[in-house]
Amino acid sequence: SSELSFSREDRDLNIRRIGFVAGEVVKHGGTVV
């Protein structure tokens, strides 16, 4: 997310990206912290 600013919208997008990656790991039985 290096292209993102620190606006609320971009902070939210960063968290959504984290959620997506976490979901992909969890889909295959993985553990995410």
ModelCIF file with pLDDT and N, C-alpha, C, O atoms, coordinates in Angstrom:
data_MODEL
#
_entry.id   MODEL 
#
_entity.id                         1 
_entity.type                       polymer 
_entity.pdbx_number_of_molecules   1 
#
_entity_poly.entity_id                      1 
_entity_poly.type                           'polypeptide(L)' 
_entity_poly.nstd_linkage                   no 
_entity_poly.nstd_monomer                   no 
_entity_poly.pdbx_seq_one_letter_code       SSELSFSREDRDLNIRRIGFVAGEVVKHGGTVV 
_entity_poly.pdbx_seq_one_letter_code_can   SSELSFSREDRDLNIRRIGFVAGEVVKHGGTVV 
_entity_poly.pdbx_strand_id                 A 
#
loop_
_entity_poly_seq.entity_id 
_entity_poly_seq.num 
_entity_poly_seq.mon_id 
_entity_poly_seq.hetero 
1 1  SER n 
1 2  SER n 
1 3  GLU n 
1 4  LEU n 
1 5  SER n 
1 6  PHE n 
1 7  SER n 
1 8  ARG n 
1 9  GLU n 
1 10 ASP n 
1 11 ARG n 
1 12 ASP n 
1 13 LEU n 
1 14 ASN n 
1 15 ILE n 
1 16 ARG n 
1 17 ARG n 
1 18 ILE n 
1 19 GLY n 
1 20 PHE n 
1 21 VAL n 
1 22 ALA n 
1 23 GLY n 
1 24 GLU n 
1 25 VAL n 
1 26 VAL n 
1 27 LYS n 
1 28 HIS n 
1 29 GLY n 
1 30 GLY n 
1 31 THR n 
1 32 VAL n 
1 33 VAL n 
#
_struct_asym.id          A 
_struct_asym.entity_id   1 
#
loop_
_ma_qa_metric.id 
_ma_qa_metric.mode 
_ma_qa_metric.name 
_ma_qa_metric.software_group_id 
_ma_qa_metric.type 
1 global pLDDT . pLDDT 
2 local  pLDDT . pLDDT 
#
_ma_qa_metric_global.metric_id      1 
_ma_qa_metric_global.metric_value   91.91 
_ma_qa_metric_global.model_id       1 
_ma_qa_metric_global.ordinal_id     1 
#
loop_
_ma_qa_metric_local.label_asym_id 
_ma_qa_metric_local.label_comp_id 
_ma_qa_metric_local.label_seq_id 
_ma_qa_metric_local.metric_id 
_ma_qa_metric_local.metric_value 
_ma_qa_metric_local.model_id 
_ma_qa_metric_local.ordinal_id 
A SER 1  2 84.00 1 1  
A SER 2  2 79.00 1 2  
A GLU 3  2 85.00 1 3  
A LEU 4  2 81.00 1 4  
A SER 5  2 75.00 1 5  
A PHE 6  2 78.00 1 6  
A SER 7  2 82.00 1 7  
A ARG 8  2 89.00 1 8  
A GLU 9  2 90.00 1 9  
A ASP 10 2 90.00 1 10 
A ARG 11 2 90.00 1 11 
A ASP 12 2 93.00 1 12 
A LEU 13 2 91.00 1 13 
A ASN 14 2 92.00 1 14 
A ILE 15 2 94.00 1 15 
A ARG 16 2 94.00 1 16 
A ARG 17 2 94.00 1 17 
A ILE 18 2 96.00 1 18 
A GLY 19 2 97.00 1 19 
A PHE 20 2 97.00 1 20 
A VAL 21 2 97.00 1 21 
A ALA 22 2 98.00 1 22 
A GLY 23 2 97.00 1 23 
A GLU 24 2 97.00 1 24 
A VAL 25 2 98.00 1 25 
A VAL 26 2 97.00 1 26 
A LYS 27 2 96.00 1 27 
A HIS 28 2 95.00 1 28 
A GLY 29 2 96.00 1 29 
A GLY 30 2 97.00 1 30 
A THR 31 2 98.00 1 31 
A VAL 32 2 98.00 1 32 
A VAL 33 2 98.00 1 33 
#
loop_
_atom_site.group_PDB 
_atom_site.id 
_atom_site.type_symbol 
_atom_site.label_atom_id 
_atom_site.label_alt_id 
_atom_site.label_comp_id 
_atom_site.label_asym_id 
_atom_site.label_entity_id 
_atom_site.label_seq_id 
_atom_site.pdbx_PDB_ins_code 
_atom_site.Cartn_x 
_atom_site.Cartn_y 
_atom_site.Cartn_z 
_atom_site.occupancy 
_atom_site.B_iso_or_equiv 
_atom_site.pdbx_formal_charge 
_atom_site.auth_seq_id 
_atom_site.auth_comp_id 
_atom_site.auth_asym_id 
_atom_site.auth_atom_id 
_atom_site.pdbx_PDB_model_num 
ATOM 1   N N  . SER A 1 1  ? 0.816   -1.220  0.000  1.00 84.00 ? 1  SER A N  1 
ATOM 2   C CA . SER A 1 1  ? 0.000   0.000   0.000  1.00 84.00 ? 1  SER A CA 1 
ATOM 3   C C  . SER A 1 1  ? 0.845   1.264   0.000  1.00 84.00 ? 1  SER A C  1 
ATOM 4   O O  . SER A 1 1  ? 0.421   2.298   0.516  1.00 84.00 ? 1  SER A O  1 
ATOM 5   N N  . SER A 1 2  ? 2.038   1.182   -0.577 1.00 79.00 ? 2  SER A N  1 
ATOM 6   C CA . SER A 1 2  ? 2.947   2.336   -0.513 1.00 79.00 ? 2  SER A CA 1 
ATOM 7   C C  . SER A 1 2  ? 2.410   3.546   -1.267 1.00 79.00 ? 2  SER A C  1 
ATOM 8   O O  . SER A 1 2  ? 2.854   4.670   -1.034 1.00 79.00 ? 2  SER A O  1 
ATOM 9   N N  . GLU A 1 3  ? 1.457   3.321   -2.171 1.00 85.00 ? 3  GLU A N  1 
ATOM 10  C CA . GLU A 1 3  ? 0.923   4.450   -2.943 1.00 85.00 ? 3  GLU A CA 1 
ATOM 11  C C  . GLU A 1 3  ? -0.189  5.180   -2.210 1.00 85.00 ? 3  GLU A C  1 
ATOM 12  O O  . GLU A 1 3  ? -0.647  6.229   -2.663 1.00 85.00 ? 3  GLU A O  1 
ATOM 13  N N  . LEU A 1 4  ? -0.629  4.630   -1.076 1.00 81.00 ? 4  LEU A N  1 
ATOM 14  C CA . LEU A 1 4  ? -1.761  5.214   -0.367 1.00 81.00 ? 4  LEU A CA 1 
ATOM 15  C C  . LEU A 1 4  ? -1.337  6.392   0.493  1.00 81.00 ? 4  LEU A C  1 
ATOM 16  O O  . LEU A 1 4  ? -0.222  6.441   1.011  1.00 81.00 ? 4  LEU A O  1 
ATOM 17  N N  . SER A 1 5  ? -2.253  7.338   0.632  1.00 75.00 ? 5  SER A N  1 
ATOM 18  C CA . SER A 1 5  ? -2.045  8.459   1.545  1.00 75.00 ? 5  SER A CA 1 
ATOM 19  C C  . SER A 1 5  ? -2.551  8.046   2.922  1.00 75.00 ? 5  SER A C  1 
ATOM 20  O O  . SER A 1 5  ? -2.809  6.869   3.174  1.00 75.00 ? 5  SER A O  1 
ATOM 21  N N  . PHE A 1 6  ? -2.690  9.038   3.816  1.00 78.00 ? 6  PHE A N  1 
ATOM 22  C CA . PHE A 1 6  ? -3.173  8.746   5.153  1.00 78.00 ? 6  PHE A CA 1 
ATOM 23  C C  . PHE A 1 6  ? -4.549  9.356   5.386  1.00 78.00 ? 6  PHE A C  1 
ATOM 24  O O  . PHE A 1 6  ? -4.924  9.666   6.517  1.00 78.00 ? 6  PHE A O  1 
ATOM 25  N N  . SER A 1 7  ? -5.296  9.522   4.293  1.00 82.00 ? 7  SER A N  1 
ATOM 26  C CA . SER A 1 7  ? -6.693  9.923   4.426  1.00 82.00 ? 7  SER A CA 1 
ATOM 27  C C  . SER A 1 7  ? -7.487  8.759   5.014  1.00 82.00 ? 7  SER A C  1 
ATOM 28  O O  . SER A 1 7  ? -7.024  7.618   5.024  1.00 82.00 ? 7  SER A O  1 
ATOM 29  N N  . ARG A 1 8  ? -8.665  9.057   5.494  1.00 89.00 ? 8  ARG A N  1 
ATOM 30  C CA . ARG A 1 8  ? -9.505  7.976   6.043  1.00 89.00 ? 8  ARG A CA 1 
ATOM 31  C C  . ARG A 1 8  ? -9.780  6.930   4.970  1.00 89.00 ? 8  ARG A C  1 
ATOM 32  O O  . ARG A 1 8  ? -9.748  5.730   5.245  1.00 89.00 ? 8  ARG A O  1 
ATOM 33  N N  . GLU A 1 9  ? -10.049 7.379   3.759  1.00 90.00 ? 9  GLU A N  1 
ATOM 34  C CA . GLU A 1 9  ? -10.355 6.438   2.688  1.00 90.00 ? 9  GLU A CA 1 
ATOM 35  C C  . GLU A 1 9  ? -9.188  5.494   2.420  1.00 90.00 ? 9  GLU A C  1 
ATOM 36  O O  . GLU A 1 9  ? -9.385  4.292   2.236  1.00 90.00 ? 9  GLU A O  1 
ATOM 37  N N  . ASP A 1 10 ? -7.981  6.034   2.397  1.00 90.00 ? 10 ASP A N  1 
ATOM 38  C CA . ASP A 1 10 ? -6.826  5.193   2.110  1.00 90.00 ? 10 ASP A CA 1 
ATOM 39  C C  . ASP A 1 10 ? -6.461  4.298   3.296  1.00 90.00 ? 10 ASP A C  1 
ATOM 40  O O  . ASP A 1 10 ? -6.001  3.172   3.103  1.00 90.00 ? 10 ASP A O  1 
ATOM 41  N N  . ARG A 1 11 ? -6.661  4.783   4.499  1.00 90.00 ? 11 ARG A N  1 
ATOM 42  C CA . ARG A 1 11 ? -6.438  3.916   5.661  1.00 90.00 ? 11 ARG A CA 1 
ATOM 43  C C  . ARG A 1 11 ? -7.398  2.732   5.618  1.00 90.00 ? 11 ARG A C  1 
ATOM 44  O O  . ARG A 1 11 ? -7.016  1.594   5.888  1.00 90.00 ? 11 ARG A O  1 
ATOM 45  N N  . ASP A 1 12 ? -8.653  3.022   5.272  1.00 93.00 ? 12 ASP A N  1 
ATOM 46  C CA . ASP A 1 12 ? -9.643  1.949   5.170  1.00 93.00 ? 12 ASP A CA 1 
ATOM 47  C C  . ASP A 1 12 ? -9.262  0.957   4.079  1.00 93.00 ? 12 ASP A C  1 
ATOM 48  O O  . ASP A 1 12 ? -9.406  -0.253  4.259  1.00 93.00 ? 12 ASP A O  1 
ATOM 49  N N  . LEU A 1 13 ? -8.780  1.461   2.953  1.00 91.00 ? 13 LEU A N  1 
ATOM 50  C CA . LEU A 1 13 ? -8.373  0.575   1.863  1.00 91.00 ? 13 LEU A CA 1 
ATOM 51  C C  . LEU A 1 13 ? -7.220  -0.329  2.304  1.00 91.00 ? 13 LEU A C  1 
ATOM 52  O O  . LEU A 1 13 ? -7.184  -1.508  1.952  1.00 91.00 ? 13 LEU A O  1 
ATOM 53  N N  . ASN A 1 14 ? -6.296  0.216   3.063  1.00 92.00 ? 14 ASN A N  1 
ATOM 54  C CA . ASN A 1 14 ? -5.187  -0.598  3.556  1.00 92.00 ? 14 ASN A CA 1 
ATOM 55  C C  . ASN A 1 14 ? -5.702  -1.747  4.424  1.00 92.00 ? 14 ASN A C  1 
ATOM 56  O O  . ASN A 1 14 ? -5.215  -2.873  4.316  1.00 92.00 ? 14 ASN A O  1 
ATOM 57  N N  . ILE A 1 15 ? -6.674  -1.469  5.274  1.00 94.00 ? 15 ILE A N  1 
ATOM 58  C CA . ILE A 1 15 ? -7.232  -2.512  6.137  1.00 94.00 ? 15 ILE A CA 1 
ATOM 59  C C  . ILE A 1 15 ? -8.016  -3.524  5.314  1.00 94.00 ? 15 ILE A C  1 
ATOM 60  O O  . ILE A 1 15 ? -7.983  -4.717  5.613  1.00 94.00 ? 15 ILE A O  1 
ATOM 61  N N  . ARG A 1 16 ? -8.719  -3.070  4.283  1.00 94.00 ? 16 ARG A N  1 
ATOM 62  C CA . ARG A 1 16 ? -9.423  -4.019  3.418  1.00 94.00 ? 16 ARG A CA 1 
ATOM 63  C C  . ARG A 1 16 ? -8.434  -4.938  2.711  1.00 94.00 ? 16 ARG A C  1 
ATOM 64  O O  . ARG A 1 16 ? -8.701  -6.129  2.546  1.00 94.00 ? 16 ARG A O  1 
ATOM 65  N N  . ARG A 1 17 ? -7.302  -4.397  2.298  1.00 94.00 ? 17 ARG A N  1 
ATOM 66  C CA . ARG A 1 17 ? -6.282  -5.239  1.666  1.00 94.00 ? 17 ARG A CA 1 
ATOM 67  C C  . ARG A 1 17 ? -5.760  -6.287  2.649  1.00 94.00 ? 17 ARG A C  1 
ATOM 68  O O  . ARG A 1 17 ? -5.559  -7.447  2.287  1.00 94.00 ? 17 ARG A O  1 
ATOM 69  N N  . ILE A 1 18 ? -5.545  -5.870  3.883  1.00 96.00 ? 18 ILE A N  1 
ATOM 70  C CA . ILE A 1 18 ? -5.120  -6.833  4.907  1.00 96.00 ? 18 ILE A CA 1 
ATOM 71  C C  . ILE A 1 18 ? -6.180  -7.916  5.068  1.00 96.00 ? 18 ILE A C  1 
ATOM 72  O O  . ILE A 1 18 ? -5.851  -9.099  5.152  1.00 96.00 ? 18 ILE A O  1 
ATOM 73  N N  . GLY A 1 19 ? -7.449  -7.519  5.112  1.00 97.00 ? 19 GLY A N  1 
ATOM 74  C CA . GLY A 1 19 ? -8.528  -8.485  5.240  1.00 97.00 ? 19 GLY A CA 1 
ATOM 75  C C  . GLY A 1 19 ? -8.583  -9.463  4.080  1.00 97.00 ? 19 GLY A C  1 
ATOM 76  O O  . GLY A 1 19 ? -8.842  -10.651 4.275  1.00 97.00 ? 19 GLY A O  1 
ATOM 77  N N  . PHE A 1 20 ? -8.342  -8.971  2.882  1.00 97.00 ? 20 PHE A N  1 
ATOM 78  C CA . PHE A 1 20 ? -8.370  -9.847  1.707  1.00 97.00 ? 20 PHE A CA 1 
ATOM 79  C C  . PHE A 1 20 ? -7.250  -10.869 1.771  1.00 97.00 ? 20 PHE A C  1 
ATOM 80  O O  . PHE A 1 20 ? -7.480  -12.061 1.565  1.00 97.00 ? 20 PHE A O  1 
ATOM 81  N N  . VAL A 1 21 ? -6.039  -10.410 2.057  1.00 97.00 ? 21 VAL A N  1 
ATOM 82  C CA . VAL A 1 21 ? -4.901  -11.338 2.141  1.00 97.00 ? 21 VAL A CA 1 
ATOM 83  C C  . VAL A 1 21 ? -5.133  -12.356 3.252  1.00 97.00 ? 21 VAL A C  1 
ATOM 84  O O  . VAL A 1 21 ? -4.882  -13.547 3.067  1.00 97.00 ? 21 VAL A O  1 
ATOM 85  N N  . ALA A 1 22 ? -5.611  -11.893 4.404  1.00 98.00 ? 22 ALA A N  1 
ATOM 86  C CA . ALA A 1 22 ? -5.885  -12.812 5.507  1.00 98.00 ? 22 ALA A CA 1 
ATOM 87  C C  . ALA A 1 22 ? -6.920  -13.850 5.100  1.00 98.00 ? 22 ALA A C  1 
ATOM 88  O O  . ALA A 1 22 ? -6.779  -15.031 5.418  1.00 98.00 ? 22 ALA A O  1 
ATOM 89  N N  . GLY A 1 23 ? -7.951  -13.415 4.402  1.00 97.00 ? 23 GLY A N  1 
ATOM 90  C CA . GLY A 1 23 ? -8.981  -14.341 3.962  1.00 97.00 ? 23 GLY A CA 1 
ATOM 91  C C  . GLY A 1 23 ? -8.455  -15.411 3.027  1.00 97.00 ? 23 GLY A C  1 
ATOM 92  O O  . GLY A 1 23 ? -8.871  -16.567 3.097  1.00 97.00 ? 23 GLY A O  1 
ATOM 93  N N  . GLU A 1 24 ? -7.536  -15.024 2.147  1.00 97.00 ? 24 GLU A N  1 
ATOM 94  C CA . GLU A 1 24 ? -6.957  -15.993 1.221  1.00 97.00 ? 24 GLU A CA 1 
ATOM 95  C C  . GLU A 1 24 ? -6.126  -17.044 1.962  1.00 97.00 ? 24 GLU A C  1 
ATOM 96  O O  . GLU A 1 24 ? -6.133  -18.219 1.594  1.00 97.00 ? 24 GLU A O  1 
ATOM 97  N N  . VAL A 1 25 ? -5.419  -16.621 2.994  1.00 98.00 ? 25 VAL A N  1 
ATOM 98  C CA . VAL A 1 25 ? -4.646  -17.582 3.793  1.00 98.00 ? 25 VAL A CA 1 
ATOM 99  C C  . VAL A 1 25 ? -5.583  -18.496 4.574  1.00 98.00 ? 25 VAL A C  1 
ATOM 100 O O  . VAL A 1 25 ? -5.381  -19.709 4.620  1.00 98.00 ? 25 VAL A O  1 
ATOM 101 N N  . VAL A 1 26 ? -6.605  -17.909 5.186  1.00 97.00 ? 26 VAL A N  1 
ATOM 102 C CA . VAL A 1 26 ? -7.559  -18.680 5.978  1.00 97.00 ? 26 VAL A CA 1 
ATOM 103 C C  . VAL A 1 26 ? -8.302  -19.683 5.096  1.00 97.00 ? 26 VAL A C  1 
ATOM 104 O O  . VAL A 1 26 ? -8.620  -20.783 5.547  1.00 97.00 ? 26 VAL A O  1 
ATOM 105 N N  . LYS A 1 27 ? -8.578  -19.320 3.857  1.00 96.00 ? 27 LYS A N  1 
ATOM 106 C CA . LYS A 1 27 ? -9.296  -20.213 2.940  1.00 96.00 ? 27 LYS A CA 1 
ATOM 107 C C  . LYS A 1 27 ? -8.592  -21.554 2.789  1.00 96.00 ? 27 LYS A C  1 
ATOM 108 O O  . LYS A 1 27 ? -9.233  -22.579 2.560  1.00 96.00 ? 27 LYS A O  1 
ATOM 109 N N  . HIS A 1 28 ? -7.268  -21.538 2.920  1.00 95.00 ? 28 HIS A N  1 
ATOM 110 C CA . HIS A 1 28 ? -6.485  -22.762 2.771  1.00 95.00 ? 28 HIS A CA 1 
ATOM 111 C C  . HIS A 1 28 ? -6.082  -23.360 4.124  1.00 95.00 ? 28 HIS A C  1 
ATOM 112 O O  . HIS A 1 28 ? -5.138  -24.145 4.210  1.00 95.00 ? 28 HIS A O  1 
ATOM 113 N N  . GLY A 1 29 ? -6.813  -22.975 5.177  1.00 96.00 ? 29 GLY A N  1 
ATOM 114 C CA . GLY A 1 29 ? -6.587  -23.554 6.489  1.00 96.00 ? 29 GLY A CA 1 
ATOM 115 C C  . GLY A 1 29 ? -5.477  -22.916 7.285  1.00 96.00 ? 29 GLY A C  1 
ATOM 116 O O  . GLY A 1 29 ? -5.058  -23.462 8.305  1.00 96.00 ? 29 GLY A O  1 
ATOM 117 N N  . GLY A 1 30 ? -4.986  -21.762 6.839  1.00 97.00 ? 30 GLY A N  1 
ATOM 118 C CA . GLY A 1 30 ? -3.866  -21.120 7.509  1.00 97.00 ? 30 GLY A CA 1 
ATOM 119 C C  . GLY A 1 30 ? -4.276  -20.295 8.716  1.00 97.00 ? 30 GLY A C  1 
ATOM 120 O O  . GLY A 1 30 ? -5.453  -20.014 8.946  1.00 97.00 ? 30 GLY A O  1 
ATOM 121 N N  . THR A 1 31 ? -3.258  -19.918 9.474  1.00 98.00 ? 31 THR A N  1 
ATOM 122 C CA . THR A 1 31 ? -3.429  -19.062 10.643 1.00 98.00 ? 31 THR A CA 1 
ATOM 123 C C  . THR A 1 31 ? -2.761  -17.727 10.376 1.00 98.00 ? 31 THR A C  1 
ATOM 124 O O  . THR A 1 31 ? -1.613  -17.682 9.935  1.00 98.00 ? 31 THR A O  1 
ATOM 125 N N  . VAL A 1 32 ? -3.475  -16.633 10.643 1.00 98.00 ? 32 VAL A N  1 
ATOM 126 C CA . VAL A 1 32 ? -2.978  -15.291 10.386 1.00 98.00 ? 32 VAL A CA 1 
ATOM 127 C C  . VAL A 1 32 ? -3.049  -14.481 11.675 1.00 98.00 ? 32 VAL A C  1 
ATOM 128 O O  . VAL A 1 32 ? -4.036  -14.548 12.408 1.00 98.00 ? 32 VAL A O  1 
ATOM 129 N N  . VAL A 1 33 ? -1.998  -13.717 11.944 1.00 98.00 ? 33 VAL A N  1 
ATOM 130 C CA . VAL A 1 33 ? -2.014  -12.751 13.036 1.00 98.00 ? 33 VAL A CA 1 
ATOM 131 C C  . VAL A 1 33 ? -1.799  -11.373 12.432 1.00 98.00 ? 33 VAL A C  1 
ATOM 132 O O  . VAL A 1 33 ? -1.771  -10.379 13.156 1.00 98.00 ? 33 VAL A O  1 
#
